[in-house]
PDB file of all heavy atoms in Angstrom:
ATOM      1  N   ARG A   1       3.534  18.659 -12.455  1.00  0.00           N
ATOM      2  CA  ARG A   1       3.421  17.454 -13.303  1.00  0.00           C
ATOM      3  C   ARG A   1       4.553  16.502 -12.972  1.00  0.00           C
ATOM      4  O   ARG A   1       5.650  16.916 -12.585  1.00  0.00           O
ATOM      5  CB  ARG A   1       3.489  17.817 -14.778  1.00  0.00           C
ATOM      6  CG  ARG A   1       2.297  18.570 -15.281  1.00  0.00           C
ATOM      7  CD  ARG A   1       2.445  18.913 -16.737  1.00  0.00           C
ATOM      8  NE  ARG A   1       1.220  19.467 -17.280  1.00  0.00           N
ATOM      9  CZ  ARG A   1       1.114  20.019 -18.450  1.00  0.00           C
ATOM     10  NH1 ARG A   1       2.176  20.095 -19.249  1.00  0.00           N
ATOM     11  NH2 ARG A   1      -0.028  20.487 -18.893  1.00  0.00           N
ATOM     12  N   THR A   2       4.332  15.216 -13.227  1.00  0.00           N
ATOM     13  CA  THR A   2       5.366  14.207 -13.051  1.00  0.00           C
ATOM     14  C   THR A   2       5.285  13.207 -14.211  1.00  0.00           C
ATOM     15  O   THR A   2       4.248  13.026 -14.831  1.00  0.00           O
ATOM     16  CB  THR A   2       5.273  13.499 -11.695  1.00  0.00           C
ATOM     17  OG1 THR A   2       6.514  12.792 -11.465  1.00  0.00           O
ATOM     18  CG2 THR A   2       4.095  12.534 -11.623  1.00  0.00           C
ATOM     19  N   PHE A   3       6.444  12.574 -14.446  1.00  0.00           N
ATOM     20  CA  PHE A   3       6.538  11.534 -15.465  1.00  0.00           C
ATOM     21  C   PHE A   3       6.474  10.185 -14.772  1.00  0.00           C
ATOM     22  O   PHE A   3       7.205   9.926 -13.793  1.00  0.00           O
ATOM     23  CB  PHE A   3       7.838  11.667 -16.245  1.00  0.00           C
ATOM     24  CG  PHE A   3       8.077  10.553 -17.199  1.00  0.00           C
ATOM     25  CD1 PHE A   3       7.373  10.476 -18.388  1.00  0.00           C
ATOM     26  CD2 PHE A   3       9.007   9.566 -16.945  1.00  0.00           C
ATOM     27  CE1 PHE A   3       7.565   9.429 -19.302  1.00  0.00           C
ATOM     28  CE2 PHE A   3       9.234   8.512 -17.855  1.00  0.00           C
ATOM     29  CZ  PHE A   3       8.487   8.467 -19.020  1.00  0.00           C
ATOM     30  N   ILE A   4       5.604   9.317 -15.253  1.00  0.00           N
ATOM     31  CA  ILE A   4       5.471   7.943 -14.741  1.00  0.00           C
ATOM     32  C   ILE A   4       5.570   6.988 -15.925  1.00  0.00           C
ATOM     33  O   ILE A   4       4.967   7.228 -16.983  1.00  0.00           O
ATOM     34  CB  ILE A   4       4.105   7.747 -14.049  1.00  0.00           C
ATOM     35  CG1 ILE A   4       3.908   8.735 -12.883  1.00  0.00           C
ATOM     36  CG2 ILE A   4       3.893   6.292 -13.631  1.00  0.00           C
ATOM     37  CD1 ILE A   4       4.845   8.505 -11.708  1.00  0.00           C
ATOM     38  N   MET A   5       6.345   5.929 -15.763  1.00  0.00           N
ATOM     39  CA  MET A   5       6.432   4.928 -16.830  1.00  0.00           C
ATOM     40  C   MET A   5       6.208   3.542 -16.240  1.00  0.00           C
ATOM     41  O   MET A   5       6.885   3.123 -15.284  1.00  0.00           O
ATOM     42  CB  MET A   5       7.825   4.969 -17.479  1.00  0.00           C
ATOM     43  CG  MET A   5       8.009   3.865 -18.511  1.00  0.00           C
ATOM     44  SD  MET A   5       9.627   3.876 -19.337  1.00  0.00           S
ATOM     45  CE  MET A   5      10.769   4.212 -18.039  1.00  0.00           C
ATOM     46  N   ILE A   6       5.264   2.832 -16.842  1.00  0.00           N
ATOM     47  CA  ILE A   6       5.090   1.421 -16.494  1.00  0.00           C
ATOM     48  C   ILE A   6       6.097   0.664 -17.362  1.00  0.00           C
ATOM     49  O   ILE A   6       6.080   0.713 -18.578  1.00  0.00           O
ATOM     50  CB  ILE A   6       3.656   0.946 -16.777  1.00  0.00           C
ATOM     51  CG1 ILE A   6       2.648   1.805 -16.018  1.00  0.00           C
ATOM     52  CG2 ILE A   6       3.520  -0.537 -16.392  1.00  0.00           C
ATOM     53  CD1 ILE A   6       1.209   1.546 -16.389  1.00  0.00           C
ATOM     54  N   LYS A   7       7.008  -0.006 -16.678  1.00  0.00           N
ATOM     55  CA  LYS A   7       8.110  -0.669 -17.333  1.00  0.00           C
ATOM     56  C   LYS A   7       7.659  -1.977 -18.003  1.00  0.00           C
ATOM     57  O   LYS A   7       6.533  -2.430 -17.783  1.00  0.00           O
ATOM     58  CB  LYS A   7       9.214  -0.977 -16.325  1.00  0.00           C
ATOM     59  CG  LYS A   7       9.842   0.271 -15.701  1.00  0.00           C
ATOM     60  CD  LYS A   7      10.860  -0.145 -14.668  1.00  0.00           C
ATOM     61  CE  LYS A   7      11.477   1.021 -13.938  1.00  0.00           C
ATOM     62  NZ  LYS A   7      12.452   0.618 -12.926  1.00  0.00           N
ATOM     63  N   PRO A   8       8.527  -2.601 -18.791  1.00  0.00           N
ATOM     64  CA  PRO A   8       8.151  -3.830 -19.511  1.00  0.00           C
ATOM     65  C   PRO A   8       7.567  -4.917 -18.615  1.00  0.00           C
ATOM     66  O   PRO A   8       6.644  -5.629 -19.034  1.00  0.00           O
ATOM     67  CB  PRO A   8       9.467  -4.276 -20.136  1.00  0.00           C
ATOM     68  CG  PRO A   8      10.188  -3.000 -20.420  1.00  0.00           C
ATOM     69  CD  PRO A   8       9.877  -2.161 -19.202  1.00  0.00           C
ATOM     70  N   ASP A   9       8.061  -5.062 -17.381  1.00  0.00           N
ATOM     71  CA  ASP A   9       7.510  -6.125 -16.512  1.00  0.00           C
ATOM     72  C   ASP A   9       6.071  -5.829 -16.130  1.00  0.00           C
ATOM     73  O   ASP A   9       5.225  -6.741 -16.080  1.00  0.00           O
ATOM     74  CB  ASP A   9       8.388  -6.335 -15.251  1.00  0.00           C
ATOM     75  CG  ASP A   9       8.705  -5.071 -14.504  1.00  0.00           C
ATOM     76  OD1 ASP A   9       8.890  -3.999 -15.138  1.00  0.00           O
ATOM     77  OD2 ASP A   9       8.801  -5.114 -13.288  1.00  0.00           O
ATOM     78  N   GLY A  10       5.734  -4.554 -15.927  1.00  0.00           N
ATOM     79  CA  GLY A  10       4.350  -4.198 -15.610  1.00  0.00           C
ATOM     80  C   GLY A  10       3.409  -4.421 -16.791  1.00  0.00           C
ATOM     81  O   GLY A  10       2.290  -4.859 -16.634  1.00  0.00           O
ATOM     82  N   VAL A  11       3.901  -4.094 -17.992  1.00  0.00           N
ATOM     83  CA  VAL A  11       3.122  -4.309 -19.210  1.00  0.00           C
ATOM     84  C   VAL A  11       2.906  -5.796 -19.439  1.00  0.00           C
ATOM     85  O   VAL A  11       1.777  -6.275 -19.621  1.00  0.00           O
ATOM     86  CB  VAL A  11       3.798  -3.679 -20.438  1.00  0.00           C
ATOM     87  CG1 VAL A  11       3.108  -4.062 -21.725  1.00  0.00           C
ATOM     88  CG2 VAL A  11       3.829  -2.136 -20.283  1.00  0.00           C
ATOM     89  N   GLN A  12       3.985  -6.584 -19.364  1.00  0.00           N
ATOM     90  CA  GLN A  12       3.899  -8.033 -19.596  1.00  0.00           C
ATOM     91  C   GLN A  12       2.992  -8.729 -18.565  1.00  0.00           C
ATOM     92  O   GLN A  12       2.342  -9.711 -18.888  1.00  0.00           O
ATOM     93  CB  GLN A  12       5.278  -8.656 -19.605  1.00  0.00           C
ATOM     94  CG  GLN A  12       6.130  -8.287 -20.796  1.00  0.00           C
ATOM     95  CD  GLN A  12       5.615  -8.911 -22.092  1.00  0.00           C
ATOM     96  OE1 GLN A  12       4.912  -9.925 -22.089  1.00  0.00           O
ATOM     97  NE2 GLN A  12       5.977  -8.314 -23.186  1.00  0.00           N
ATOM     98  N   ARG A  13       2.971  -8.233 -17.347  1.00  0.00           N
ATOM     99  CA  ARG A  13       2.166  -8.837 -16.284  1.00  0.00           C
ATOM    100  C   ARG A  13       0.720  -8.366 -16.282  1.00  0.00           C
ATOM    101  O   ARG A  13      -0.088  -8.793 -15.439  1.00  0.00           O
ATOM    102  CB  ARG A  13       2.835  -8.582 -14.931  1.00  0.00           C
ATOM    103  CG  ARG A  13       4.142  -9.324 -14.778  1.00  0.00           C
ATOM    104  CD  ARG A  13       4.837  -9.027 -13.467  1.00  0.00           C
ATOM    105  NE  ARG A  13       3.959  -9.349 -12.349  1.00  0.00           N
ATOM    106  CZ  ARG A  13       4.040  -8.799 -11.141  1.00  0.00           C
ATOM    107  NH1 ARG A  13       5.007  -7.905 -10.878  1.00  0.00           N
ATOM    108  NH2 ARG A  13       3.225  -9.128 -10.186  1.00  0.00           N
ATOM    109  N   GLY A  14       0.350  -7.471 -17.182  1.00  0.00           N
ATOM    110  CA  GLY A  14      -1.008  -6.973 -17.275  1.00  0.00           C
ATOM    111  C   GLY A  14      -1.428  -6.073 -16.134  1.00  0.00           C
ATOM    112  O   GLY A  14      -2.571  -6.078 -15.685  1.00  0.00           O
ATOM    113  N   LEU A  15      -0.475  -5.226 -15.653  1.00  0.00           N
ATOM    114  CA  LEU A  15      -0.744  -4.366 -14.512  1.00  0.00           C
ATOM    115  C   LEU A  15      -1.008  -2.885 -14.887  1.00  0.00           C
ATOM    116  O   LEU A  15      -1.082  -2.034 -13.999  1.00  0.00           O
ATOM    117  CB  LEU A  15       0.394  -4.451 -13.511  1.00  0.00           C
ATOM    118  CG  LEU A  15       0.605  -5.849 -12.880  1.00  0.00           C
ATOM    119  CD1 LEU A  15       1.872  -5.883 -12.044  1.00  0.00           C
ATOM    120  CD2 LEU A  15      -0.607  -6.249 -12.066  1.00  0.00           C
ATOM    121  N   ILE A  16      -1.158  -2.613 -16.164  1.00  0.00           N
ATOM    122  CA  ILE A  16      -1.376  -1.233 -16.607  1.00  0.00           C
ATOM    123  C   ILE A  16      -2.580  -0.605 -15.918  1.00  0.00           C
ATOM    124  O   ILE A  16      -2.506   0.487 -15.350  1.00  0.00           O
ATOM    125  CB  ILE A  16      -1.528  -1.165 -18.137  1.00  0.00           C
ATOM    126  CG1 ILE A  16      -0.230  -1.625 -18.845  1.00  0.00           C
ATOM    127  CG2 ILE A  16      -1.920   0.250 -18.580  1.00  0.00           C
ATOM    128  CD1 ILE A  16      -0.387  -1.842 -20.326  1.00  0.00           C
ATOM    129  N   GLY A  17      -3.704  -1.305 -15.923  1.00  0.00           N
ATOM    130  CA  GLY A  17      -4.917  -0.777 -15.302  1.00  0.00           C
ATOM    131  C   GLY A  17      -4.770  -0.557 -13.824  1.00  0.00           C
ATOM    132  O   GLY A  17      -5.262   0.436 -13.290  1.00  0.00           O
ATOM    133  N   ASP A  18      -4.093  -1.479 -13.135  1.00  0.00           N
ATOM    134  CA  ASP A  18      -3.876  -1.339 -11.691  1.00  0.00           C
ATOM    135  C   ASP A  18      -3.062  -0.067 -11.380  1.00  0.00           C
ATOM    136  O   ASP A  18      -3.369   0.640 -10.404  1.00  0.00           O
ATOM    137  CB  ASP A  18      -3.147  -2.556 -11.125  1.00  0.00           C
ATOM    138  CG  ASP A  18      -4.000  -3.809 -11.163  1.00  0.00           C
ATOM    139  OD1 ASP A  18      -5.034  -3.828 -10.499  1.00  0.00           O
ATOM    140  OD2 ASP A  18      -3.598  -4.743 -11.884  1.00  0.00           O
ATOM    141  N   VAL A  19      -2.043   0.187 -12.183  1.00  0.00           N
ATOM    142  CA  VAL A  19      -1.207   1.357 -11.954  1.00  0.00           C
ATOM    143  C   VAL A  19      -1.993   2.624 -12.199  1.00  0.00           C
ATOM    144  O   VAL A  19      -2.031   3.541 -11.366  1.00  0.00           O
ATOM    145  CB  VAL A  19       0.062   1.335 -12.845  1.00  0.00           C
ATOM    146  CG1 VAL A  19       0.806   2.665 -12.760  1.00  0.00           C
ATOM    147  CG2 VAL A  19       0.960   0.155 -12.456  1.00  0.00           C
ATOM    148  N   ILE A  20      -2.689   2.705 -13.322  1.00  0.00           N
ATOM    149  CA  ILE A  20      -3.481   3.910 -13.650  1.00  0.00           C
ATOM    150  C   ILE A  20      -4.527   4.154 -12.571  1.00  0.00           C
ATOM    151  O   ILE A  20      -4.736   5.276 -12.134  1.00  0.00           O
ATOM    152  CB  ILE A  20      -4.100   3.762 -15.038  1.00  0.00           C
ATOM    153  CG1 ILE A  20      -3.001   3.806 -16.106  1.00  0.00           C
ATOM    154  CG2 ILE A  20      -5.139   4.842 -15.280  1.00  0.00           C
ATOM    155  CD1 ILE A  20      -3.457   3.467 -17.495  1.00  0.00           C
ATOM    156  N   LYS A  21      -5.178   3.096 -12.121  1.00  0.00           N
ATOM    157  CA  LYS A  21      -6.219   3.243 -11.117  1.00  0.00           C
ATOM    158  C   LYS A  21      -5.711   3.882  -9.829  1.00  0.00           C
ATOM    159  O   LYS A  21      -6.392   4.719  -9.227  1.00  0.00           O
ATOM    160  CB  LYS A  21      -6.860   1.884 -10.809  1.00  0.00           C
ATOM    161  CG  LYS A  21      -7.943   1.941  -9.758  1.00  0.00           C
ATOM    162  CD  LYS A  21      -9.134   1.147 -10.186  1.00  0.00           C
ATOM    163  CE  LYS A  21     -10.248   1.247  -9.168  1.00  0.00           C
ATOM    164  NZ  LYS A  21     -11.146   2.334  -9.475  1.00  0.00           N
ATOM    165  N   ARG A  22      -4.491   3.541  -9.395  1.00  0.00           N
ATOM    166  CA  ARG A  22      -3.955   4.134  -8.161  1.00  0.00           C
ATOM    167  C   ARG A  22      -3.835   5.645  -8.280  1.00  0.00           C
ATOM    168  O   ARG A  22      -4.147   6.374  -7.357  1.00  0.00           O
ATOM    169  CB  ARG A  22      -2.570   3.546  -7.862  1.00  0.00           C
ATOM    170  CG  ARG A  22      -2.553   2.063  -7.568  1.00  0.00           C
ATOM    171  CD  ARG A  22      -2.893   1.740  -6.127  1.00  0.00           C
ATOM    172  NE  ARG A  22      -2.871   0.310  -5.918  1.00  0.00           N
ATOM    173  CZ  ARG A  22      -1.963  -0.309  -5.186  1.00  0.00           C
ATOM    174  NH1 ARG A  22      -1.007   0.353  -4.567  1.00  0.00           N
ATOM    175  NH2 ARG A  22      -2.000  -1.631  -5.052  1.00  0.00           N
ATOM    176  N   PHE A  23      -3.370   6.103  -9.458  1.00  0.00           N
ATOM    177  CA  PHE A  23      -3.208   7.553  -9.648  1.00  0.00           C
ATOM    178  C   PHE A  23      -4.558   8.257  -9.817  1.00  0.00           C
ATOM    179  O   PHE A  23      -4.753   9.347  -9.304  1.00  0.00           O
ATOM    180  CB  PHE A  23      -2.265   7.818 -10.813  1.00  0.00           C
ATOM    181  CG  PHE A  23      -0.838   7.493 -10.488  1.00  0.00           C
ATOM    182  CD1 PHE A  23      -0.308   6.256 -10.761  1.00  0.00           C
ATOM    183  CD2 PHE A  23      -0.015   8.440  -9.882  1.00  0.00           C
ATOM    184  CE1 PHE A  23       1.010   5.944 -10.425  1.00  0.00           C
ATOM    185  CE2 PHE A  23       1.273   8.162  -9.560  1.00  0.00           C
ATOM    186  CZ  PHE A  23       1.800   6.907  -9.811  1.00  0.00           C
ATOM    187  N   GLU A  24      -5.479   7.623 -10.541  1.00  0.00           N
ATOM    188  CA  GLU A  24      -6.806   8.210 -10.684  1.00  0.00           C
ATOM    189  C   GLU A  24      -7.526   8.265  -9.361  1.00  0.00           C
ATOM    190  O   GLU A  24      -8.153   9.275  -9.018  1.00  0.00           O
ATOM    191  CB  GLU A  24      -7.638   7.399 -11.682  1.00  0.00           C
ATOM    192  CG  GLU A  24      -7.243   7.616 -13.104  1.00  0.00           C
ATOM    193  CD  GLU A  24      -8.142   6.877 -14.091  1.00  0.00           C
ATOM    194  OE1 GLU A  24      -8.566   5.732 -13.784  1.00  0.00           O
ATOM    195  OE2 GLU A  24      -8.361   7.401 -15.183  1.00  0.00           O
ATOM    196  N   THR A  25      -7.474   7.178  -8.595  1.00  0.00           N
ATOM    197  CA  THR A  25      -8.157   7.125  -7.315  1.00  0.00           C
ATOM    198  C   THR A  25      -7.636   8.172  -6.352  1.00  0.00           C
ATOM    199  O   THR A  25      -8.373   8.768  -5.573  1.00  0.00           O
ATOM    200  CB  THR A  25      -8.009   5.713  -6.694  1.00  0.00           C
ATOM    201  OG1 THR A  25      -8.569   4.761  -7.602  1.00  0.00           O
ATOM    202  CG2 THR A  25      -8.744   5.616  -5.362  1.00  0.00           C
ATOM    203  N   LYS A  26      -6.326   8.427  -6.403  1.00  0.00           N
ATOM    204  CA  LYS A  26      -5.717   9.462  -5.552  1.00  0.00           C
ATOM    205  C   LYS A  26      -6.264  10.844  -5.907  1.00  0.00           C
ATOM    206  O   LYS A  26      -6.319  11.720  -5.052  1.00  0.00           O
ATOM    207  CB  LYS A  26      -4.190   9.392  -5.717  1.00  0.00           C
ATOM    208  CG  LYS A  26      -3.433  10.415  -4.897  1.00  0.00           C
ATOM    209  CD  LYS A  26      -3.471  10.074  -3.434  1.00  0.00           C
ATOM    210  CE  LYS A  26      -2.578  11.029  -2.642  1.00  0.00           C
ATOM    211  NZ  LYS A  26      -2.625  10.755  -1.235  1.00  0.00           N
ATOM    212  N   GLY A  27      -6.632  11.036  -7.156  1.00  0.00           N
ATOM    213  CA  GLY A  27      -7.176  12.311  -7.574  1.00  0.00           C
ATOM    214  C   GLY A  27      -6.304  13.084  -8.546  1.00  0.00           C
ATOM    215  O   GLY A  27      -6.578  14.249  -8.843  1.00  0.00           O
TER     216      GLY A  27
END
């Protein structure tokens, strides 16, 4: 397991979905 945190700049820029998608797509 690993810990991943989307920081305030990622949240404010609306990139939450983009980040999650990268990890889901990887498997």
